[in-house]
C-alpha atoms as a PDB file:
ATOM      1  CA  MET A   1     124.119  10.797  32.890  1.00  0.00           C
ATOM      2  CA  ALA A   2     127.465  12.542  33.980  1.00  0.00           C
ATOM      3  CA  GLY A   3     128.936   9.167  34.220  1.00  0.00           C
ATOM      4  CA  VAL A   4     128.870   5.365  35.471  1.00  0.00           C
ATOM      5  CA  SER A   5     128.865   5.768  39.678  1.00  0.00           C
ATOM      6  CA  TRP A   6     131.525   3.127  40.394  1.00  0.00           C
ATOM      7  CA  ALA A   7     129.572   1.074  42.880  1.00  0.00           C
ATOM      8  CA  PRO A   8     129.983  -2.253  44.149  1.00  0.00           C
ATOM      9  CA  VAL A   9     129.047  -4.380  40.701  1.00  0.00           C
ATOM     10  CA  SER A  10     125.913  -6.230  41.699  1.00  0.00           C
ATOM     11  CA  SER A  11     124.625  -2.916  42.695  1.00  0.00           C
ATOM     12  CA  ARG A  12     126.164  -0.851  40.207  1.00  0.00           C
ATOM     13  CA  GLU A  13     124.473  -3.064  37.469  1.00  0.00           C
ATOM     14  CA  ASP A  14     121.328  -3.025  38.622  1.00  0.00           C
ATOM     15  CA  ASP A  15     121.256   0.319  38.732  1.00  0.00           C
ATOM     16  CA  LEU A  16     122.498   1.334  35.616  1.00  0.00           C
ATOM     17  CA  ARG A  17     120.026  -1.095  33.835  1.00  0.00           C
ATOM     18  CA  ALA A  18     116.965  -0.104  35.648  1.00  0.00           C
ATOM     19  CA  HIS A  19     118.325   3.751  35.220  1.00  0.00           C
ATOM     20  CA  PHE A  20     118.908   3.183  31.094  1.00  0.00           C
ATOM     21  CA  ARG A  21     115.096   0.899  30.602  1.00  0.00           C
ATOM     22  CA  GLY A  22     113.432   4.233  32.044  1.00  0.00           C
ATOM     23  CA  ALA A  23     115.806   6.293  29.540  1.00  0.00           C
ATOM     24  CA  LEU A  24     115.661   4.261  26.810  1.00  0.00           C
ATOM     25  CA  SER A  25     111.398   3.817  26.918  1.00  0.00           C
ATOM     26  CA  ALA A  26     110.915   7.869  27.461  1.00  0.00           C
ATOM     27  CA  ASP A  27     113.238   8.894  25.034  1.00  0.00           C
ATOM     28  CA  PRO A  28     115.618   6.153  22.741  1.00  0.00           C
ATOM     29  CA  VAL A  29     117.465   9.119  20.797  1.00  0.00           C
ATOM     30  CA  GLY A  30     118.030  11.166  23.436  1.00  0.00           C
ATOM     31  CA  SER A  31     119.327   8.592  25.791  1.00  0.00           C
ATOM     32  CA  TYR A  32     121.149   6.585  23.370  1.00  0.00           C
ATOM     33  CA  ARG A  33     124.066   9.144  23.750  1.00  0.00           C
ATOM     34  CA  ASP A  34     124.500   8.355  27.262  1.00  0.00           C
ATOM     35  CA  TRP A  35     124.174   4.905  26.953  1.00  0.00           C
ATOM     36  CA  PHE A  36     126.394   4.693  24.383  1.00  0.00           C
ATOM     37  CA  ARG A  37     128.946   6.507  26.739  1.00  0.00           C
ATOM     38  CA  ALA A  38     128.212   4.450  29.565  1.00  0.00           C
ATOM     39  CA  GLN A  39     129.381   1.543  27.780  1.00  0.00           C
ATOM     40  CA  GLU A  40     132.698   2.963  26.174  1.00  0.00           C
ATOM     41  CA  GLU A  41     133.069   4.079  30.844  1.00  0.00           C
ATOM     42  CA  LEU A  42     132.912   0.252  31.357  1.00  0.00           C
ATOM     43  CA  ARG A  43     134.823  -1.104  28.683  1.00  0.00           C
ATOM     44  CA  GLU A  44     137.289   1.012  30.011  1.00  0.00           C
ATOM     45  CA  HIS A  45     137.161  -0.340  33.215  1.00  0.00           C
ATOM     46  CA  GLY A  46     136.895  -4.002  32.485  1.00  0.00           C
ATOM     47  CA  ASP A  47     133.274  -4.368  33.566  1.00  0.00           C
ATOM     48  CA  ALA A  48     132.454  -6.667  30.318  1.00  0.00           C
ATOM     49  CA  GLY A  49     129.689  -8.546  31.923  1.00  0.00           C
ATOM     50  CA  ILE A  50     127.882  -5.546  32.419  1.00  0.00           C
ATOM     51  CA  CYS A  51     128.237  -3.855  28.784  1.00  0.00           C
ATOM     52  CA  ARG A  52     126.813  -7.273  27.828  1.00  0.00           C
ATOM     53  CA  ALA A  53     123.849  -6.969  30.408  1.00  0.00           C
ATOM     54  CA  LEU A  54     123.286  -3.409  29.029  1.00  0.00           C
ATOM     55  CA  ALA A  55     123.510  -4.481  25.186  1.00  0.00           C
ATOM     56  CA  ASP A  56     120.878  -7.239  25.882  1.00  0.00           C
ATOM     57  CA  ASP A  57     118.649  -5.199  27.363  1.00  0.00           C
ATOM     58  CA  LEU A  58     118.912  -2.731  24.918  1.00  0.00           C
ATOM     59  CA  TRP A  59     118.345  -5.315  22.099  1.00  0.00           C
ATOM     60  CA  THR A  60     115.035  -6.804  23.933  1.00  0.00           C
ATOM     61  CA  ALA A  61     113.737  -2.788  23.775  1.00  0.00           C
ATOM     62  CA  LEU A  62     114.507  -1.999  20.738  1.00  0.00           C
ATOM     63  CA  PRO A  63     111.421  -3.415  18.924  1.00  0.00           C
ATOM     64  CA  VAL A  64     109.349  -1.546  21.004  1.00  0.00           C
ATOM     65  CA  LEU A  65     111.180   2.090  21.043  1.00  0.00           C
ATOM     66  CA  PRO A  66     109.019   4.640  20.936  1.00  0.00           C
ATOM     67  CA  PHE A  67     110.106   6.872  17.802  1.00  0.00           C
ATOM     68  CA  GLY A  68     108.807  10.023  16.199  1.00  0.00           C
ATOM     69  CA  ALA A  69     109.723   9.458  12.803  1.00  0.00           C
ATOM     70  CA  PRO A  70     110.237   6.202  10.725  1.00  0.00           C
ATOM     71  CA  GLU A  71     113.672   7.983   9.910  1.00  0.00           C
ATOM     72  CA  GLU A  72     114.492   8.198  13.626  1.00  0.00           C
ATOM     73  CA  ARG A  73     113.729   4.713  13.757  1.00  0.00           C
ATOM     74  CA  ALA A  74     116.063   3.565  10.953  1.00  0.00           C
ATOM     75  CA  ARG A  75     118.902   6.229  12.288  1.00  0.00           C
ATOM     76  CA  PHE A  76     118.950   4.591  15.518  1.00  0.00           C
ATOM     77  CA  PHE A  77     118.460   0.692  14.445  1.00  0.00           C
ATOM     78  CA  HIS A  78     121.861   1.637  12.059  1.00  0.00           C
ATOM     79  CA  ASN A  79     123.801   3.557  14.949  1.00  0.00           C
ATOM     80  CA  ALA A  80     122.572   0.221  17.469  1.00  0.00           C
ATOM     81  CA  ALA A  81     123.882  -1.826  14.675  1.00  0.00           C
ATOM     82  CA  VAL A  82     127.309  -0.146  14.013  1.00  0.00           C
ATOM     83  CA  PHE A  83     127.343  -0.683  17.953  1.00  0.00           C
ATOM     84  CA  TYR A  84     126.976  -4.463  17.969  1.00  0.00           C
ATOM     85  CA  GLY A  85     129.191  -5.174  15.052  1.00  0.00           C
ATOM     86  CA  SER A  86     131.819  -3.299  16.084  1.00  0.00           C
ATOM     87  CA  PRO A  87     134.523  -5.475  18.266  1.00  0.00           C
ATOM     88  CA  GLY A  88     134.274  -5.487  22.161  1.00  0.00           C
ATOM     89  CA  PRO A  89     132.795  -7.202  24.660  1.00  0.00           C
ATOM     90  CA  ALA A  90     128.792  -7.057  23.455  1.00  0.00           C
ATOM     91  CA  ALA A  91     130.002  -7.481  19.776  1.00  0.00           C
ATOM     92  CA  ASP A  92     127.441  -9.633  18.038  1.00  0.00           C
ATOM     93  CA  LEU A  93     127.413  -9.945  14.252  1.00  0.00           C
ATOM     94  CA  GLY A  94     123.890 -11.796  13.800  1.00  0.00           C
ATOM     95  CA  ARG A  95     122.681  -8.730  15.957  1.00  0.00           C
ATOM     96  CA  ALA A  96     124.384  -5.943  14.162  1.00  0.00           C
ATOM     97  CA  ARG A  97     123.123  -7.862  10.693  1.00  0.00           C
ATOM     98  CA  GLU A  98     119.486  -7.824  11.783  1.00  0.00           C
ATOM     99  CA  ALA A  99     119.786  -4.134  13.097  1.00  0.00           C
ATOM    100  CA  PHE A 100     121.073  -2.822   9.909  1.00  0.00           C
ATOM    101  CA  ALA A 101     118.607  -5.144   7.788  1.00  0.00           C
ATOM    102  CA  VAL A 102     116.050  -2.199   9.676  1.00  0.00           C
ATOM    103  CA  ALA A 103     117.783   0.747   8.651  1.00  0.00           C
ATOM    104  CA  LEU A 104     118.424  -0.820   5.060  1.00  0.00           C
ATOM    105  CA  ALA A 105     114.730  -1.470   4.493  1.00  0.00           C
ATOM    106  CA  HIS A 106     114.294   2.160   5.168  1.00  0.00           C
ATOM    107  CA  PHE A 107     117.275   3.694   3.303  1.00  0.00           C
ATOM    108  CA  ALA A 108     116.686   1.750  -0.095  1.00  0.00           C
ATOM    109  CA  GLY A 109     115.264   4.485  -1.667  1.00  0.00           C
ATOM    110  CA  ASP A 110     117.468   7.224  -0.749  1.00  0.00           C
ATOM    111  CA  VAL A 111     119.522   8.782  -3.015  1.00  0.00           C
ATOM    112  CA  GLU A 112     120.560  11.789  -1.751  1.00  0.00           C
ATOM    113  CA  SER A 113     121.181  11.779   1.714  1.00  0.00           C
ATOM    114  CA  GLY A 114     123.852   9.274   1.721  1.00  0.00           C
ATOM    115  CA  TRP A 115     122.709   6.933   4.409  1.00  0.00           C
ATOM    116  CA  HIS A 116     121.922   4.203   2.163  1.00  0.00           C
ATOM    117  CA  ALA A 117     125.418   4.476   1.501  1.00  0.00           C
ATOM    118  CA  ARG A 118     126.493   4.963   4.824  1.00  0.00           C
ATOM    119  CA  THR A 119     124.965   1.927   6.051  1.00  0.00           C
ATOM    120  CA  LEU A 120     125.991  -0.380   3.179  1.00  0.00           C
ATOM    121  CA  HIS A 121     129.285   0.873   4.129  1.00  0.00           C
ATOM    122  CA  ASN A 122     129.107   0.503   8.277  1.00  0.00           C
ATOM    123  CA  LEU A 123     127.590  -3.299   7.580  1.00  0.00           C
ATOM    124  CA  ALA A 124     130.492  -4.111   4.897  1.00  0.00           C
ATOM    125  CA  THR A 125     132.848  -3.470   7.970  1.00  0.00           C
ATOM    126  CA  ALA A 126     131.049  -4.860  10.231  1.00  0.00           C
ATOM    127  CA  LEU A 127     131.311  -8.120   8.854  1.00  0.00           C
ATOM    128  CA  SER A 128     135.043  -7.331   7.613  1.00  0.00           C
ATOM    129  CA  ASN A 129     135.775  -6.578  11.592  1.00  0.00           C
ATOM    130  CA  LEU A 130     133.566 -10.145  13.127  1.00  0.00           C
ATOM    131  CA  GLY A 131     133.515 -12.020  10.193  1.00  0.00           C
ATOM    132  CA  ALA A 132     134.489 -15.567  10.729  1.00  0.00           C
ATOM    133  CA  THR A 133     134.460 -16.834   7.103  1.00  0.00           C
ATOM    134  CA  ARG A 134     135.181 -16.605   3.591  1.00  0.00           C
ATOM    135  CA  ALA A 135     131.411 -16.159   2.579  1.00  0.00           C
ATOM    136  CA  ASP A 136     131.483 -12.982   5.458  1.00  0.00           C
ATOM    137  CA  LEU A 137     134.635 -11.329   3.841  1.00  0.00           C
ATOM    138  CA  GLU A 138     133.249 -12.191   0.502  1.00  0.00           C
ATOM    139  CA  GLU A 139     129.550 -10.388   1.338  1.00  0.00           C
ATOM    140  CA  ALA A 140     131.549  -7.360   2.726  1.00  0.00           C
ATOM    141  CA  VAL A 141     133.869  -6.999   0.102  1.00  0.00           C
ATOM    142  CA  ALA A 142     131.037  -6.871  -2.221  1.00  0.00           C
ATOM    143  CA  LEU A 143     128.676  -4.331   0.154  1.00  0.00           C
ATOM    144  CA  PHE A 144     131.940  -2.044   0.224  1.00  0.00           C
ATOM    145  CA  GLY A 145     131.552  -1.948  -3.643  1.00  0.00           C
ATOM    146  CA  GLN A 146     127.744  -1.339  -3.668  1.00  0.00           C
ATOM    147  CA  ALA A 147     128.920   1.799  -1.414  1.00  0.00           C
ATOM    148  CA  LEU A 148     131.426   3.293  -3.549  1.00  0.00           C
ATOM    149  CA  LEU A 149     128.765   3.489  -6.527  1.00  0.00           C
ATOM    150  CA  TRP A 150     127.113   6.227  -4.155  1.00  0.00           C
ATOM    151  CA  ARG A 151     130.288   7.734  -2.588  1.00  0.00           C
ATOM    152  CA  THR A 152     132.248   8.775  -6.087  1.00  0.00           C
ATOM    153  CA  ALA A 153     135.104  10.787  -6.689  1.00  0.00           C
ATOM    154  CA  GLU A 154     132.125  14.179  -6.242  1.00  0.00           C
ATOM    155  CA  ARG A 155     132.473  12.676  -2.421  1.00  0.00           C
ATOM    156  CA  GLU A 156     135.854  11.868  -2.064  1.00  0.00           C
ATOM    157  CA  ILE A 157     136.374  12.160   1.652  1.00  0.00           C
ATOM    158  CA  ALA A 158     133.869   9.369   2.252  1.00  0.00           C
ATOM    159  CA  ARG A 159     135.037   7.349  -0.470  1.00  0.00           C
ATOM    160  CA  GLY A 160     138.992   7.500   0.889  1.00  0.00           C
ATOM    161  CA  VAL A 161     137.270   5.818   4.382  1.00  0.00           C
ATOM    162  CA  THR A 162     135.336   3.233   2.526  1.00  0.00           C
ATOM    163  CA  LEU A 163     138.631   2.606  -0.089  1.00  0.00           C
ATOM    164  CA  HIS A 164     140.460   2.075   3.365  1.00  0.00           C
ATOM    165  CA  ASN A 165     137.868  -0.238   4.922  1.00  0.00           C
ATOM    166  CA  LEU A 166     137.940  -2.564   1.435  1.00  0.00           C
ATOM    167  CA  GLY A 167     141.842  -2.703   1.818  1.00  0.00           C
ATOM    168  CA  LEU A 168     141.280  -3.987   4.830  1.00  0.00           C
ATOM    169  CA  ALA A 169     139.004  -6.738   3.832  1.00  0.00           C
ATOM    170  CA  ARG A 170     140.647  -7.823   0.857  1.00  0.00           C
ATOM    171  CA  ARG A 171     143.768  -8.673   3.273  1.00  0.00           C
ATOM    172  CA  ARG A 172     141.359 -10.774   5.599  1.00  0.00           C
ATOM    173  CA  LEU A 173     139.980 -12.379   2.864  1.00  0.00           C
ATOM    174  CA  ALA A 174     143.187 -13.659   1.688  1.00  0.00           C
ATOM    175  CA  GLU A 175     143.550 -15.122   5.142  1.00  0.00           C
ATOM    176  CA  LEU A 176     140.781 -16.934   4.667  1.00  0.00           C
ATOM    177  CA  ASP A 177     141.405 -18.001   0.753  1.00  0.00           C
ATOM    178  CA  PRO A 178     144.454 -18.851   0.586  1.00  0.00           C
ATOM    179  CA  GLU A 179     144.203 -20.099  -3.035  1.00  0.00           C
ATOM    180  CA  ARG A 180     143.413 -16.754  -4.287  1.00  0.00           C
ATOM    181  CA  ALA A 181     145.415 -14.679  -1.578  1.00  0.00           C
ATOM    182  CA  ALA A 182     147.706 -13.224  -4.066  1.00  0.00           C
ATOM    183  CA  GLY A 183     144.787 -11.463  -6.174  1.00  0.00           C
ATOM    184  CA  HIS A 184     142.956 -10.180  -3.238  1.00  0.00           C
ATOM    185  CA  LEU A 185     146.074  -9.060  -1.604  1.00  0.00           C
ATOM    186  CA  ALA A 186     146.782  -7.112  -5.007  1.00  0.00           C
ATOM    187  CA  ALA A 187     143.086  -5.922  -4.719  1.00  0.00           C
ATOM    188  CA  SER A 188     143.779  -5.003  -0.741  1.00  0.00           C
ATOM    189  CA  ALA A 189     146.880  -2.494  -2.600  1.00  0.00           C
ATOM    190  CA  ASP A 190     144.844  -1.224  -4.804  1.00  0.00           C
ATOM    191  CA  ALA A 191     142.219   0.126  -2.759  1.00  0.00           C
ATOM    192  CA  LEU A 192     144.720   1.344  -0.384  1.00  0.00           C
ATOM    193  CA  ARG A 193     146.594   2.861  -2.714  1.00  0.00           C
ATOM    194  CA  GLU A 194     144.020   5.256  -4.100  1.00  0.00           C
ATOM    195  CA  ALA A 195     142.803   6.089  -0.179  1.00  0.00           C
ATOM    196  CA  VAL A 196     146.230   7.452   0.241  1.00  0.00           C
ATOM    197  CA  ALA A 197     146.091   9.878  -2.603  1.00  0.00           C
ATOM    198  CA  ILE A 198     142.404  11.050  -1.474  1.00  0.00           C
ATOM    199  CA  ARG A 199     144.032  11.824   1.872  1.00  0.00           C
ATOM    200  CA  GLU A 200     146.858  13.052   0.761  1.00  0.00           C
ATOM    201  CA  ARG A 201     144.811  15.230  -1.584  1.00  0.00           C
ATOM    202  CA  HIS A 202     142.275  16.628   1.734  1.00  0.00           C
ATOM    203  CA  GLY A 203     145.869  17.053   3.951  1.00  0.00           C
ATOM    204  CA  LEU A 204     144.168  14.324   5.830  1.00  0.00           C
ATOM    205  CA  ALA A 205     147.226  13.840   7.616  1.00  0.00           C
ATOM    206  CA  GLU A 206     146.255  10.622  10.543  1.00  0.00           C
ATOM    207  CA  GLY A 207     144.521   9.192   7.748  1.00  0.00           C
ATOM    208  CA  ARG A 208     146.955   8.874   5.094  1.00  0.00           C
ATOM    209  CA  ALA A 209     149.620   7.737   7.638  1.00  0.00           C
ATOM    210  CA  LEU A 210     146.884   4.769   8.460  1.00  0.00           C
ATOM    211  CA  SER A 211     146.658   3.598   5.074  1.00  0.00           C
ATOM    212  CA  GLU A 212     149.952   3.967   4.384  1.00  0.00           C
ATOM    213  CA  ARG A 213     151.001   1.726   7.069  1.00  0.00           C
ATOM    214  CA  HIS A 214     148.404  -0.524   5.806  1.00  0.00           C
ATOM    215  CA  LEU A 215     149.600  -0.478   2.171  1.00  0.00           C
ATOM    216  CA  ALA A 216     153.152  -1.319   3.590  1.00  0.00           C
ATOM    217  CA  LEU A 217     151.493  -4.763   5.573  1.00  0.00           C
ATOM    218  CA  SER A 218     149.326  -5.392   2.229  1.00  0.00           C
ATOM    219  CA  LEU A 219     152.284  -5.065  -0.164  1.00  0.00           C
ATOM    220  CA  GLU A 220     154.524  -6.967   2.374  1.00  0.00           C
ATOM    221  CA  ARG A 221     152.320  -9.912   1.993  1.00  0.00           C
ATOM    222  CA  LEU A 222     151.760 -10.067  -1.488  1.00  0.00           C
ATOM    223  CA  ALA A 223     155.338 -10.169  -2.170  1.00  0.00           C
ATOM    224  CA  ALA A 224     155.380 -13.277   0.406  1.00  0.00           C
ATOM    225  CA  ALA A 225     152.626 -14.877  -1.483  1.00  0.00           C
ATOM    226  CA  ASP A 226     154.349 -14.168  -4.767  1.00  0.00           C
ATOM    227  CA  SER A 227     157.278 -16.080  -3.727  1.00  0.00           C
ATOM    228  CA  ARG A 228     155.899 -19.214  -3.026  1.00  0.00           C
END
């Protein structure tokens, strides 16, 4: 599908839903790229209702989509979980959790490819982005910790990504757990410092600058917490 055709809304929604129902049923892996691209275009044009309708259709279809192998299915569920776990008009933490659970069940015994750590990292990121409770953010922090058991110094670039996101999660946790805010903010700063160092070593200028900005924000909030 080359792009979204901007026909009247009702017609466009009906056409898109019919197209992707058929395409995903025939070739879920190949069609998902077009489905995701359509989601991005629709979001840019402010068509939140159609985004949600397509997301509802995908969720309904997931249990019966045809896959060639268990790993293909697990990767598809992982990618769908990342979509549902990302901020946007179709964000749904409950759906993200369910889809991530399918991927985790498959990749639990995978100690070589890194898919288990990737899935843990992305579930933690979804909880960090969409979670609304202290328990959600505590779970995110714990999952990032599990991902770091595989994302060691031998996999330093991936480790830097997880440490950066852990720093953000710790800062959100400080907001939801004010009695222990200083400790969470100190841990946030520690994670972001390590992320900065890794990204500097690998010449990742844009990533380093992003981690530095978030480090400065965590330190600013830590100073404010310490002064109370």
